[in-house]
Amino acid sequence: MIGSGGKLGIGPADEYMFTVFVSPVGPYFREGFKPVSLLLVRNHDRTAPLGTGRYKVGGNYAASFTAMKEAKDKGFSNVLYLDSLHKKYIDECGPANFFVIKKEENKITYVTPKADKTILASITNKSLMKIAEDLGYEVIRRELELEELDNFDEAGACGTAAVISPIYKIRDDENNKDYIFGVKEKAGEISTILYNKLLAIQTGDIKDENNWVEFI
């Protein structure tokens, strides 16, 4: 959406044009549905409380380009941000929401940072949470501290383009520490189940029980 009114100056437009572009795309990450490695960044902020982080605006992506380039120059697929206020809680990946999976003997838990002042309320993440609940998993949205990552078995980035991009490693250079999830060669079991189910709903291969799909 862009301002289109006949106005020159600093201030909100009084007329807007809303446009939707539709195009076939490949996977957001060139690896496809295979585990990727992310670089934790502290010297950049994606967005700040009371800013635009919770909204789908171009500026939120532009703000991440420098950090993303630095990560890719070091051999990582993308970045993982901490919150800009405390530098303590997981925020988002460069282009996507973040989630982790805990597998216990009789329980599977899906945990994702709470969509609040800085984190986009991703439709993909909401869809995955509903699918997880339907499968009997516990779903929790809350503040997620960096140090907690050692307690989880799987991690992933989720969003429209990627659906799910499983994460194998998160590198924290400042503390010389790697958070490892599963194996490098393939996605985790639960991430694969969630990915396949959401994709099958989108393509019409399984029945859409939630009325998400609309034929045009």
N, C-alpha and C. Protein backbone atom coordinates (compact mmCIF):
# COMPACT_ATOMS: atom_id res chain seq x y z
N MET A 1 0.85 -1.18 0.00
CA MET A 1 0.00 0.00 0.00
C MET A 1 0.89 1.23 0.00
N ILE A 2 0.61 2.18 -0.92
CA ILE A 2 1.41 3.39 -0.99
C ILE A 2 0.51 4.61 -1.02
N GLY A 3 1.02 5.71 -0.50
CA GLY A 3 0.29 6.97 -0.58
C GLY A 3 0.26 7.46 -2.02
N SER A 4 -0.91 7.83 -2.50
CA SER A 4 -1.02 8.23 -3.91
C SER A 4 -1.69 9.59 -4.09
N GLY A 5 -2.03 10.24 -3.02
CA GLY A 5 -2.71 11.54 -3.11
C GLY A 5 -1.77 12.64 -3.59
N GLY A 6 -2.37 13.74 -4.07
CA GLY A 6 -1.59 14.87 -4.55
C GLY A 6 -1.08 15.72 -3.40
N LYS A 7 -0.06 15.21 -2.73
CA LYS A 7 0.43 15.89 -1.54
C LYS A 7 1.95 15.84 -1.52
N LEU A 8 2.59 16.96 -1.27
CA LEU A 8 4.04 17.02 -1.18
C LEU A 8 4.40 17.51 0.20
N GLY A 9 5.18 16.75 0.94
CA GLY A 9 5.54 17.16 2.29
C GLY A 9 5.58 15.96 3.22
N ILE A 10 5.99 16.21 4.46
CA ILE A 10 6.12 15.14 5.45
C ILE A 10 4.81 15.01 6.21
N GLY A 11 4.20 13.85 6.08
CA GLY A 11 2.93 13.62 6.75
C GLY A 11 2.19 12.49 6.07
N PRO A 12 1.19 11.93 6.74
CA PRO A 12 0.44 10.82 6.15
C PRO A 12 -0.33 11.28 4.92
N ALA A 13 -0.42 10.38 3.95
CA ALA A 13 -1.20 10.68 2.74
C ALA A 13 -2.69 10.65 3.07
N ASP A 14 -3.48 11.33 2.26
CA ASP A 14 -4.93 11.29 2.45
C ASP A 14 -5.60 10.41 1.41
N GLU A 15 -4.79 9.75 0.57
CA GLU A 15 -5.29 8.85 -0.45
C GLU A 15 -4.27 7.73 -0.63
N TYR A 16 -4.76 6.49 -0.79
CA TYR A 16 -3.84 5.36 -0.86
C TYR A 16 -4.21 4.43 -2.01
N MET A 17 -3.21 3.69 -2.47
CA MET A 17 -3.44 2.65 -3.45
C MET A 17 -2.95 1.32 -2.89
N PHE A 18 -3.84 0.33 -2.88
CA PHE A 18 -3.50 -1.00 -2.37
C PHE A 18 -3.37 -1.95 -3.55
N THR A 19 -2.24 -2.60 -3.68
CA THR A 19 -1.97 -3.48 -4.81
C THR A 19 -1.49 -4.84 -4.32
N VAL A 20 -1.95 -5.89 -4.95
CA VAL A 20 -1.48 -7.24 -4.63
C VAL A 20 -0.76 -7.80 -5.84
N PHE A 21 0.49 -8.23 -5.65
CA PHE A 21 1.27 -8.87 -6.70
C PHE A 21 1.23 -10.38 -6.47
N VAL A 22 0.97 -11.13 -7.52
CA VAL A 22 0.93 -12.58 -7.43
C VAL A 22 1.95 -13.16 -8.40
N SER A 23 2.82 -14.03 -7.89
CA SER A 23 3.87 -14.57 -8.75
C SER A 23 4.31 -15.93 -8.22
N PRO A 24 4.64 -16.86 -9.13
CA PRO A 24 5.24 -18.12 -8.66
C PRO A 24 6.63 -17.84 -8.09
N VAL A 25 6.98 -18.56 -7.05
CA VAL A 25 8.29 -18.34 -6.42
C VAL A 25 8.93 -19.69 -6.08
N GLY A 26 10.22 -19.66 -5.94
CA GLY A 26 10.94 -20.82 -5.42
C GLY A 26 11.05 -20.71 -3.92
N PRO A 27 11.81 -21.59 -3.27
CA PRO A 27 11.95 -21.53 -1.82
C PRO A 27 12.65 -20.24 -1.39
N TYR A 28 12.23 -19.70 -0.25
CA TYR A 28 12.83 -18.46 0.25
C TYR A 28 14.31 -18.67 0.53
N PHE A 29 14.63 -19.77 1.20
CA PHE A 29 16.03 -20.14 1.40
C PHE A 29 16.42 -21.11 0.29
N ARG A 30 17.58 -20.91 -0.31
CA ARG A 30 17.97 -21.74 -1.45
C ARG A 30 18.10 -23.21 -1.07
N GLU A 31 18.25 -23.48 0.24
CA GLU A 31 18.36 -24.87 0.69
C GLU A 31 17.02 -25.61 0.58
N GLY A 32 15.91 -24.87 0.43
CA GLY A 32 14.60 -25.50 0.42
C GLY A 32 14.25 -25.99 1.82
N PHE A 33 13.50 -27.10 1.89
CA PHE A 33 13.12 -27.62 3.21
C PHE A 33 14.25 -28.49 3.77
N LYS A 34 15.35 -27.82 4.06
CA LYS A 34 16.51 -28.47 4.66
C LYS A 34 17.05 -27.55 5.75
N PRO A 35 17.67 -28.13 6.77
CA PRO A 35 18.13 -27.30 7.89
C PRO A 35 19.14 -26.23 7.46
N VAL A 36 19.01 -25.06 8.06
CA VAL A 36 19.90 -23.93 7.79
C VAL A 36 20.59 -23.50 9.09
N SER A 37 21.61 -22.69 8.95
CA SER A 37 22.32 -22.13 10.10
C SER A 37 22.09 -20.63 10.15
N LEU A 38 21.81 -20.12 11.35
CA LEU A 38 21.56 -18.69 11.53
C LEU A 38 22.62 -18.08 12.43
N LEU A 39 22.89 -16.81 12.22
CA LEU A 39 23.83 -16.07 13.06
C LEU A 39 23.04 -15.17 14.00
N LEU A 40 23.26 -15.32 15.30
CA LEU A 40 22.64 -14.43 16.28
C LEU A 40 23.33 -13.07 16.21
N VAL A 41 22.55 -12.00 16.10
CA VAL A 41 23.15 -10.66 16.00
C VAL A 41 22.74 -9.81 17.19
N ARG A 42 23.72 -9.10 17.73
CA ARG A 42 23.46 -8.17 18.83
C ARG A 42 23.75 -6.73 18.42
N ASN A 43 24.52 -6.55 17.35
CA ASN A 43 24.93 -5.20 16.95
C ASN A 43 23.95 -4.57 15.96
N HIS A 44 22.81 -5.22 15.75
CA HIS A 44 21.74 -4.65 14.91
C HIS A 44 20.40 -4.91 15.60
N ASP A 45 19.47 -3.99 15.40
CA ASP A 45 18.10 -4.17 15.88
C ASP A 45 17.17 -4.29 14.68
N ARG A 46 16.27 -5.25 14.74
CA ARG A 46 15.27 -5.37 13.68
C ARG A 46 14.21 -4.29 13.82
N THR A 47 13.74 -4.11 15.04
CA THR A 47 12.73 -3.09 15.30
C THR A 47 12.72 -2.83 16.80
N ALA A 48 11.98 -1.83 17.23
CA ALA A 48 11.96 -1.45 18.64
C ALA A 48 10.53 -1.43 19.16
N PRO A 49 10.36 -1.58 20.49
CA PRO A 49 9.01 -1.46 21.06
C PRO A 49 8.38 -0.13 20.67
N LEU A 50 7.10 -0.16 20.40
CA LEU A 50 6.32 1.00 19.96
C LEU A 50 6.68 1.44 18.55
N GLY A 51 7.49 0.63 17.85
CA GLY A 51 7.81 0.90 16.45
C GLY A 51 6.86 0.15 15.53
N THR A 52 7.36 -0.25 14.36
CA THR A 52 6.50 -0.88 13.35
C THR A 52 6.72 -2.39 13.24
N GLY A 53 7.44 -2.98 14.18
CA GLY A 53 7.80 -4.39 14.07
C GLY A 53 6.64 -5.35 13.99
N ARG A 54 5.52 -4.98 14.55
CA ARG A 54 4.37 -5.89 14.56
C ARG A 54 3.56 -5.81 13.25
N TYR A 55 3.98 -4.93 12.35
CA TYR A 55 3.23 -4.73 11.11
C TYR A 55 4.02 -5.23 9.90
N LYS A 56 3.30 -5.54 8.84
CA LYS A 56 3.92 -6.04 7.61
C LYS A 56 4.26 -4.85 6.73
N VAL A 57 5.38 -4.19 7.02
CA VAL A 57 5.79 -3.02 6.25
C VAL A 57 7.21 -3.22 5.72
N GLY A 58 7.47 -2.61 4.58
CA GLY A 58 8.76 -2.79 3.91
C GLY A 58 9.95 -2.35 4.75
N GLY A 59 9.75 -1.33 5.56
CA GLY A 59 10.86 -0.83 6.37
C GLY A 59 11.42 -1.85 7.33
N ASN A 60 10.58 -2.77 7.79
CA ASN A 60 11.07 -3.80 8.71
C ASN A 60 12.03 -4.75 8.01
N TYR A 61 11.83 -4.96 6.71
CA TYR A 61 12.73 -5.81 5.95
C TYR A 61 14.00 -5.05 5.60
N ALA A 62 13.84 -3.79 5.19
CA ALA A 62 15.00 -2.98 4.82
C ALA A 62 15.98 -2.85 5.98
N ALA A 63 15.44 -2.75 7.19
CA ALA A 63 16.29 -2.60 8.37
C ALA A 63 17.15 -3.83 8.62
N SER A 64 16.79 -4.96 8.04
CA SER A 64 17.53 -6.19 8.30
C SER A 64 18.58 -6.52 7.23
N PHE A 65 18.63 -5.73 6.15
CA PHE A 65 19.50 -6.08 5.03
C PHE A 65 20.99 -6.11 5.41
N THR A 66 21.44 -5.13 6.20
CA THR A 66 22.87 -5.07 6.55
C THR A 66 23.27 -6.28 7.38
N ALA A 67 22.46 -6.61 8.38
CA ALA A 67 22.77 -7.77 9.22
C ALA A 67 22.73 -9.06 8.40
N MET A 68 21.76 -9.16 7.50
CA MET A 68 21.65 -10.36 6.67
C MET A 68 22.87 -10.52 5.77
N LYS A 69 23.36 -9.42 5.21
CA LYS A 69 24.54 -9.51 4.35
C LYS A 69 25.76 -9.95 5.16
N GLU A 70 25.92 -9.41 6.36
CA GLU A 70 27.03 -9.81 7.22
C GLU A 70 26.96 -11.30 7.53
N ALA A 71 25.76 -11.79 7.81
CA ALA A 71 25.59 -13.21 8.12
C ALA A 71 25.94 -14.07 6.91
N LYS A 72 25.44 -13.68 5.74
CA LYS A 72 25.69 -14.48 4.54
C LYS A 72 27.15 -14.46 4.14
N ASP A 73 27.82 -13.34 4.39
CA ASP A 73 29.26 -13.27 4.11
C ASP A 73 30.06 -14.24 4.98
N LYS A 74 29.48 -14.59 6.13
CA LYS A 74 30.14 -15.54 7.04
C LYS A 74 29.66 -16.97 6.82
N GLY A 75 28.81 -17.18 5.81
CA GLY A 75 28.37 -18.53 5.48
C GLY A 75 27.06 -18.96 6.10
N PHE A 76 26.32 -18.02 6.72
CA PHE A 76 25.03 -18.34 7.33
C PHE A 76 23.89 -17.99 6.38
N SER A 77 22.77 -18.68 6.55
CA SER A 77 21.62 -18.42 5.68
C SER A 77 20.89 -17.15 6.04
N ASN A 78 20.88 -16.81 7.32
CA ASN A 78 20.17 -15.62 7.76
C ASN A 78 20.54 -15.30 9.20
N VAL A 79 19.78 -14.40 9.81
CA VAL A 79 20.09 -13.93 11.16
C VAL A 79 18.95 -14.24 12.11
N LEU A 80 19.27 -14.20 13.39
CA LEU A 80 18.26 -14.27 14.45
C LEU A 80 18.49 -13.07 15.35
N TYR A 81 17.43 -12.31 15.59
CA TYR A 81 17.53 -11.10 16.40
C TYR A 81 17.11 -11.35 17.84
N LEU A 82 17.73 -10.59 18.74
CA LEU A 82 17.24 -10.47 20.11
C LEU A 82 16.41 -9.20 20.22
N ASP A 83 15.59 -9.12 21.26
CA ASP A 83 14.78 -7.91 21.43
C ASP A 83 15.69 -6.71 21.64
N SER A 84 15.31 -5.58 21.11
CA SER A 84 16.18 -4.40 21.13
C SER A 84 16.24 -3.73 22.50
N LEU A 85 15.26 -4.00 23.36
CA LEU A 85 15.22 -3.34 24.66
C LEU A 85 16.14 -4.00 25.67
N HIS A 86 16.04 -5.33 25.81
CA HIS A 86 16.81 -6.04 26.83
C HIS A 86 17.98 -6.84 26.27
N LYS A 87 17.96 -7.12 24.97
CA LYS A 87 18.96 -8.01 24.34
C LYS A 87 19.00 -9.34 25.09
N LYS A 88 17.83 -9.85 25.38
CA LYS A 88 17.70 -11.04 26.21
C LYS A 88 16.74 -12.06 25.62
N TYR A 89 15.69 -11.57 24.98
CA TYR A 89 14.64 -12.45 24.47
C TYR A 89 14.74 -12.61 22.95
N ILE A 90 14.34 -13.78 22.46
CA ILE A 90 14.32 -14.02 21.03
C ILE A 90 13.25 -13.13 20.39
N ASP A 91 13.61 -12.48 19.31
CA ASP A 91 12.66 -11.63 18.59
C ASP A 91 12.19 -12.38 17.35
N GLU A 92 12.75 -12.11 16.19
CA GLU A 92 12.41 -12.82 14.96
C GLU A 92 13.69 -13.17 14.21
N CYS A 93 13.54 -14.02 13.22
CA CYS A 93 14.60 -14.19 12.24
C CYS A 93 14.50 -12.99 11.30
N GLY A 94 15.46 -12.80 10.42
CA GLY A 94 15.41 -11.67 9.51
C GLY A 94 14.08 -11.55 8.79
N PRO A 95 13.61 -12.62 8.14
CA PRO A 95 12.38 -12.51 7.36
C PRO A 95 11.20 -13.27 7.94
N ALA A 96 11.28 -13.81 9.14
CA ALA A 96 10.26 -14.78 9.56
C ALA A 96 10.13 -14.87 11.07
N ASN A 97 8.99 -15.41 11.51
CA ASN A 97 8.79 -15.76 12.92
C ASN A 97 9.69 -16.95 13.29
N PHE A 98 9.84 -17.17 14.59
CA PHE A 98 10.72 -18.22 15.10
C PHE A 98 9.92 -19.13 16.02
N PHE A 99 10.21 -20.43 15.97
CA PHE A 99 9.57 -21.36 16.91
C PHE A 99 10.56 -22.46 17.30
N VAL A 100 10.27 -23.11 18.41
CA VAL A 100 11.06 -24.26 18.86
C VAL A 100 10.11 -25.38 19.27
N ILE A 101 10.63 -26.60 19.24
CA ILE A 101 9.85 -27.79 19.58
C ILE A 101 10.55 -28.55 20.70
N LYS A 102 9.77 -28.94 21.71
CA LYS A 102 10.28 -29.80 22.78
C LYS A 102 9.58 -31.15 22.69
N LYS A 103 10.37 -32.22 22.59
CA LYS A 103 9.80 -33.56 22.51
C LYS A 103 10.08 -34.31 23.81
N GLU A 104 9.01 -34.73 24.46
CA GLU A 104 9.11 -35.56 25.65
C GLU A 104 8.37 -36.86 25.40
N GLU A 105 8.45 -37.79 26.33
CA GLU A 105 7.91 -39.13 26.11
C GLU A 105 6.43 -39.11 25.72
N ASN A 106 5.62 -38.34 26.45
CA ASN A 106 4.19 -38.32 26.18
C ASN A 106 3.67 -36.93 25.86
N LYS A 107 4.57 -36.06 25.40
CA LYS A 107 4.16 -34.67 25.20
C LYS A 107 5.07 -33.99 24.18
N ILE A 108 4.46 -33.22 23.30
CA ILE A 108 5.20 -32.40 22.35
C ILE A 108 4.73 -30.96 22.52
N THR A 109 5.68 -30.05 22.64
CA THR A 109 5.34 -28.65 22.89
C THR A 109 5.91 -27.76 21.79
N TYR A 110 5.06 -26.88 21.30
CA TYR A 110 5.42 -25.88 20.27
C TYR A 110 5.47 -24.53 20.98
N VAL A 111 6.65 -23.91 21.00
CA VAL A 111 6.82 -22.62 21.70
C VAL A 111 7.27 -21.57 20.70
N THR A 112 6.64 -20.41 20.73
CA THR A 112 7.02 -19.32 19.83
C THR A 112 6.92 -18.00 20.59
N PRO A 113 7.82 -17.05 20.30
CA PRO A 113 7.73 -15.76 21.00
C PRO A 113 6.39 -15.09 20.79
N LYS A 114 5.92 -14.44 21.81
CA LYS A 114 4.62 -13.78 21.79
C LYS A 114 4.61 -12.62 20.80
N ALA A 115 3.62 -12.61 19.91
CA ALA A 115 3.48 -11.49 18.97
C ALA A 115 2.93 -10.30 19.74
N ASP A 116 3.81 -9.35 20.01
CA ASP A 116 3.42 -8.24 20.87
C ASP A 116 3.85 -6.93 20.23
N LYS A 117 4.78 -6.23 20.84
CA LYS A 117 5.13 -4.89 20.38
C LYS A 117 6.11 -4.89 19.20
N THR A 118 6.87 -5.95 19.03
CA THR A 118 7.86 -5.95 17.97
C THR A 118 7.72 -7.10 16.99
N ILE A 119 6.95 -8.11 17.31
CA ILE A 119 6.92 -9.33 16.50
C ILE A 119 5.62 -9.42 15.69
N LEU A 120 5.78 -9.67 14.40
CA LEU A 120 4.64 -9.80 13.51
C LEU A 120 3.78 -11.01 13.88
N ALA A 121 2.47 -10.80 13.87
CA ALA A 121 1.53 -11.91 14.12
C ALA A 121 1.37 -12.70 12.82
N SER A 122 2.36 -13.52 12.52
CA SER A 122 2.45 -14.23 11.25
C SER A 122 1.27 -15.17 11.04
N ILE A 123 0.64 -15.08 9.85
CA ILE A 123 -0.46 -15.98 9.51
C ILE A 123 0.06 -17.41 9.42
N THR A 124 1.25 -17.59 8.88
CA THR A 124 1.84 -18.93 8.80
C THR A 124 2.03 -19.52 10.19
N ASN A 125 2.56 -18.72 11.11
CA ASN A 125 2.77 -19.19 12.47
C ASN A 125 1.44 -19.54 13.13
N LYS A 126 0.43 -18.69 12.93
CA LYS A 126 -0.90 -18.97 13.49
C LYS A 126 -1.46 -20.28 12.93
N SER A 127 -1.23 -20.50 11.63
CA SER A 127 -1.71 -21.74 11.00
C SER A 127 -1.00 -22.95 11.58
N LEU A 128 0.31 -22.84 11.76
CA LEU A 128 1.08 -23.95 12.33
C LEU A 128 0.65 -24.24 13.76
N MET A 129 0.35 -23.19 14.52
CA MET A 129 -0.10 -23.39 15.90
C MET A 129 -1.45 -24.12 15.94
N LYS A 130 -2.35 -23.77 15.01
CA LYS A 130 -3.64 -24.45 14.96
C LYS A 130 -3.47 -25.91 14.57
N ILE A 131 -2.60 -26.17 13.60
CA ILE A 131 -2.33 -27.56 13.20
C ILE A 131 -1.71 -28.33 14.36
N ALA A 132 -0.78 -27.68 15.07
CA ALA A 132 -0.13 -28.33 16.21
C ALA A 132 -1.17 -28.69 17.28
N GLU A 133 -2.08 -27.77 17.57
CA GLU A 133 -3.14 -28.05 18.54
C GLU A 133 -4.01 -29.21 18.08
N ASP A 134 -4.36 -29.22 16.79
CA ASP A 134 -5.20 -30.29 16.25
C ASP A 134 -4.51 -31.65 16.35
N LEU A 135 -3.18 -31.64 16.32
CA LEU A 135 -2.41 -32.88 16.44
C LEU A 135 -2.19 -33.29 17.91
N GLY A 136 -2.68 -32.46 18.83
CA GLY A 136 -2.54 -32.79 20.25
C GLY A 136 -1.31 -32.23 20.92
N TYR A 137 -0.58 -31.36 20.22
CA TYR A 137 0.61 -30.75 20.82
C TYR A 137 0.19 -29.59 21.72
N GLU A 138 1.00 -29.29 22.71
CA GLU A 138 0.78 -28.10 23.52
C GLU A 138 1.41 -26.91 22.79
N VAL A 139 0.68 -25.80 22.71
CA VAL A 139 1.16 -24.60 22.03
C VAL A 139 1.28 -23.47 23.05
N ILE A 140 2.46 -22.85 23.09
CA ILE A 140 2.71 -21.78 24.07
C ILE A 140 3.30 -20.58 23.35
N ARG A 141 2.71 -19.40 23.60
CA ARG A 141 3.28 -18.14 23.12
C ARG A 141 3.75 -17.36 24.34
N ARG A 142 5.03 -17.08 24.41
CA ARG A 142 5.58 -16.38 25.57
C ARG A 142 6.94 -15.80 25.23
N GLU A 143 7.47 -14.97 26.14
CA GLU A 143 8.84 -14.50 25.97
C GLU A 143 9.78 -15.70 26.06
N LEU A 144 10.73 -15.77 25.16
CA LEU A 144 11.64 -16.91 25.07
C LEU A 144 13.06 -16.41 25.21
N GLU A 145 13.72 -16.77 26.31
CA GLU A 145 15.08 -16.30 26.54
C GLU A 145 16.08 -17.11 25.72
N LEU A 146 17.13 -16.44 25.30
CA LEU A 146 18.16 -17.07 24.48
C LEU A 146 18.69 -18.34 25.13
N GLU A 147 19.00 -18.28 26.43
CA GLU A 147 19.62 -19.41 27.12
C GLU A 147 18.71 -20.65 27.15
N GLU A 148 17.42 -20.45 26.95
CA GLU A 148 16.49 -21.58 26.95
C GLU A 148 16.64 -22.48 25.73
N LEU A 149 17.28 -22.01 24.70
CA LEU A 149 17.34 -22.77 23.45
C LEU A 149 17.99 -24.12 23.63
N ASP A 150 18.85 -24.25 24.63
CA ASP A 150 19.48 -25.55 24.92
C ASP A 150 18.46 -26.61 25.30
N ASN A 151 17.26 -26.20 25.70
CA ASN A 151 16.26 -27.15 26.20
C ASN A 151 15.35 -27.71 25.12
N PHE A 152 15.55 -27.30 23.86
CA PHE A 152 14.63 -27.70 22.80
C PHE A 152 15.29 -28.60 21.77
N ASP A 153 14.45 -29.41 21.11
CA ASP A 153 14.94 -30.42 20.18
C ASP A 153 14.92 -29.98 18.72
N GLU A 154 14.00 -29.09 18.38
CA GLU A 154 13.89 -28.60 17.01
C GLU A 154 13.67 -27.09 17.04
N ALA A 155 14.05 -26.43 15.95
CA ALA A 155 13.80 -25.00 15.81
C ALA A 155 13.52 -24.71 14.35
N GLY A 156 12.79 -23.62 14.11
CA GLY A 156 12.48 -23.29 12.73
C GLY A 156 12.10 -21.83 12.57
N ALA A 157 12.24 -21.36 11.33
CA ALA A 157 11.72 -20.06 10.92
C ALA A 157 10.48 -20.33 10.09
N CYS A 158 9.45 -19.51 10.27
CA CYS A 158 8.22 -19.75 9.51
C CYS A 158 7.66 -18.45 8.97
N GLY A 159 7.14 -18.52 7.74
CA GLY A 159 6.58 -17.36 7.09
C GLY A 159 5.97 -17.75 5.76
N THR A 160 5.38 -16.80 5.07
CA THR A 160 4.65 -17.07 3.85
C THR A 160 5.51 -17.77 2.80
N ALA A 161 6.69 -17.24 2.54
CA ALA A 161 7.53 -17.78 1.46
C ALA A 161 8.19 -19.10 1.86
N ALA A 162 8.69 -19.16 3.07
CA ALA A 162 9.42 -20.35 3.49
C ALA A 162 8.49 -21.46 3.97
N VAL A 163 7.30 -21.12 4.43
CA VAL A 163 6.41 -22.00 5.18
C VAL A 163 7.15 -22.38 6.47
N ILE A 164 8.02 -23.38 6.41
CA ILE A 164 8.95 -23.65 7.52
C ILE A 164 10.35 -23.83 6.93
N SER A 165 11.31 -23.15 7.53
CA SER A 165 12.71 -23.43 7.22
C SER A 165 13.33 -23.97 8.50
N PRO A 166 13.58 -25.29 8.55
CA PRO A 166 14.14 -25.87 9.78
C PRO A 166 15.53 -25.31 10.06
N ILE A 167 15.84 -25.15 11.32
CA ILE A 167 17.13 -24.59 11.74
C ILE A 167 17.97 -25.69 12.39
N TYR A 168 19.19 -25.85 11.88
CA TYR A 168 20.12 -26.81 12.47
C TYR A 168 20.98 -26.16 13.55
N LYS A 169 21.46 -24.94 13.25
CA LYS A 169 22.41 -24.30 14.19
C LYS A 169 22.13 -22.81 14.30
N ILE A 170 22.25 -22.31 15.53
CA ILE A 170 22.26 -20.86 15.78
C ILE A 170 23.59 -20.54 16.42
N ARG A 171 24.35 -19.68 15.76
CA ARG A 171 25.70 -19.34 16.22
C ARG A 171 25.69 -18.03 16.98
N ASP A 172 26.18 -18.07 18.22
CA ASP A 172 26.33 -16.88 19.06
C ASP A 172 27.83 -16.58 19.14
N ASP A 173 28.32 -15.71 18.27
CA ASP A 173 29.76 -15.41 18.22
C ASP A 173 30.27 -14.77 19.50
N GLU A 174 29.46 -13.90 20.09
CA GLU A 174 29.91 -13.17 21.27
C GLU A 174 30.25 -14.11 22.42
N ASN A 175 29.49 -15.18 22.57
CA ASN A 175 29.74 -16.14 23.64
C ASN A 175 30.40 -17.42 23.15
N ASN A 176 30.81 -17.42 21.88
CA ASN A 176 31.47 -18.58 21.28
C ASN A 176 30.67 -19.86 21.53
N LYS A 177 29.38 -19.77 21.22
CA LYS A 177 28.48 -20.89 21.51
C LYS A 177 27.61 -21.21 20.31
N ASP A 178 27.35 -22.49 20.10
CA ASP A 178 26.42 -22.95 19.07
C ASP A 178 25.24 -23.64 19.74
N TYR A 179 24.05 -23.28 19.32
CA TYR A 179 22.84 -24.00 19.72
C TYR A 179 22.50 -24.94 18.56
N ILE A 180 22.47 -26.24 18.85
CA ILE A 180 22.29 -27.24 17.81
C ILE A 180 20.93 -27.93 17.96
N PHE A 181 20.24 -28.10 16.82
CA PHE A 181 18.93 -28.75 16.82
C PHE A 181 18.93 -29.89 15.81
N GLY A 182 18.87 -31.11 16.30
CA GLY A 182 18.79 -32.26 15.42
C GLY A 182 20.07 -32.49 14.64
N VAL A 183 19.90 -32.89 13.39
CA VAL A 183 21.05 -33.20 12.53
C VAL A 183 21.05 -32.27 11.32
N LYS A 184 22.20 -32.08 10.74
CA LYS A 184 22.36 -31.13 9.64
C LYS A 184 21.70 -31.61 8.35
N GLU A 185 21.56 -32.92 8.21
CA GLU A 185 21.15 -33.48 6.92
C GLU A 185 19.66 -33.41 6.65
N LYS A 186 18.82 -33.39 7.69
CA LYS A 186 17.37 -33.39 7.43
C LYS A 186 16.61 -32.68 8.55
N ALA A 187 15.41 -32.25 8.20
CA ALA A 187 14.56 -31.55 9.16
C ALA A 187 14.09 -32.49 10.25
N GLY A 188 13.74 -31.90 11.40
CA GLY A 188 13.25 -32.69 12.52
C GLY A 188 11.89 -33.30 12.24
N GLU A 189 11.57 -34.31 13.00
CA GLU A 189 10.33 -35.07 12.80
C GLU A 189 9.08 -34.20 12.89
N ILE A 190 8.98 -33.38 13.93
CA ILE A 190 7.76 -32.60 14.15
C ILE A 190 7.66 -31.46 13.14
N SER A 191 8.77 -30.83 12.84
CA SER A 191 8.77 -29.77 11.82
C SER A 191 8.30 -30.32 10.48
N THR A 192 8.73 -31.53 10.16
CA THR A 192 8.34 -32.17 8.90
C THR A 192 6.85 -32.45 8.87
N ILE A 193 6.30 -32.94 9.98
CA ILE A 193 4.86 -33.21 10.06
C ILE A 193 4.06 -31.93 9.85
N LEU A 194 4.46 -30.85 10.54
CA LEU A 194 3.75 -29.57 10.43
C LEU A 194 3.86 -28.99 9.03
N TYR A 195 5.04 -29.04 8.46
CA TYR A 195 5.28 -28.52 7.12
C TYR A 195 4.42 -29.25 6.09
N ASN A 196 4.46 -30.57 6.14
CA ASN A 196 3.72 -31.36 5.15
C ASN A 196 2.22 -31.15 5.26
N LYS A 197 1.73 -31.00 6.49
CA LYS A 197 0.28 -30.83 6.67
C LYS A 197 -0.17 -29.47 6.16
N LEU A 198 0.57 -28.41 6.49
CA LEU A 198 0.17 -27.08 6.03
C LEU A 198 0.27 -27.00 4.50
N LEU A 199 1.33 -27.55 3.94
CA LEU A 199 1.49 -27.54 2.49
C LEU A 199 0.37 -28.31 1.79
N ALA A 200 -0.02 -29.44 2.38
CA ALA A 200 -1.10 -30.24 1.79
C ALA A 200 -2.43 -29.51 1.83
N ILE A 201 -2.67 -28.72 2.88
CA ILE A 201 -3.89 -27.91 2.95
C ILE A 201 -3.85 -26.84 1.85
N GLN A 202 -2.69 -26.20 1.69
CA GLN A 202 -2.56 -25.14 0.69
C GLN A 202 -2.76 -25.66 -0.73
N THR A 203 -2.29 -26.86 -1.00
CA THR A 203 -2.38 -27.42 -2.35
C THR A 203 -3.67 -28.21 -2.59
N GLY A 204 -4.47 -28.38 -1.55
CA GLY A 204 -5.73 -29.10 -1.69
C GLY A 204 -5.59 -30.60 -1.64
N ASP A 205 -4.43 -31.10 -1.22
CA ASP A 205 -4.21 -32.55 -1.16
C ASP A 205 -4.90 -33.18 0.05
N ILE A 206 -5.20 -32.40 1.07
CA ILE A 206 -5.99 -32.89 2.19
C ILE A 206 -7.10 -31.88 2.47
N LYS A 207 -8.13 -32.31 3.13
CA LYS A 207 -9.29 -31.46 3.38
C LYS A 207 -8.93 -30.30 4.29
N ASP A 208 -9.40 -29.13 3.95
CA ASP A 208 -9.20 -27.93 4.75
C ASP A 208 -10.32 -27.84 5.79
N GLU A 209 -10.03 -28.26 7.01
CA GLU A 209 -11.04 -28.29 8.07
C GLU A 209 -11.29 -26.91 8.68
N ASN A 210 -10.41 -25.94 8.37
CA ASN A 210 -10.51 -24.63 9.02
C ASN A 210 -11.01 -23.53 8.11
N ASN A 211 -11.41 -23.90 6.87
CA ASN A 211 -11.88 -22.91 5.91
C ASN A 211 -10.86 -21.82 5.63
N TRP A 212 -9.60 -22.21 5.52
CA TRP A 212 -8.53 -21.27 5.20
C TRP A 212 -8.42 -21.00 3.71
N VAL A 213 -8.74 -22.01 2.91
CA VAL A 213 -8.50 -21.93 1.47
C VAL A 213 -9.73 -21.38 0.76
N GLU A 214 -9.48 -20.43 -0.13
CA GLU A 214 -10.57 -19.90 -0.94
C GLU A 214 -10.21 -20.02 -2.41
N PHE A 215 -11.05 -20.66 -3.17
CA PHE A 215 -10.80 -20.85 -4.61
C PHE A 215 -11.28 -19.61 -5.36
N ILE A 216 -10.41 -19.13 -6.24
CA ILE A 216 -10.72 -17.91 -7.01
C ILE A 216 -10.75 -18.27 -8.50
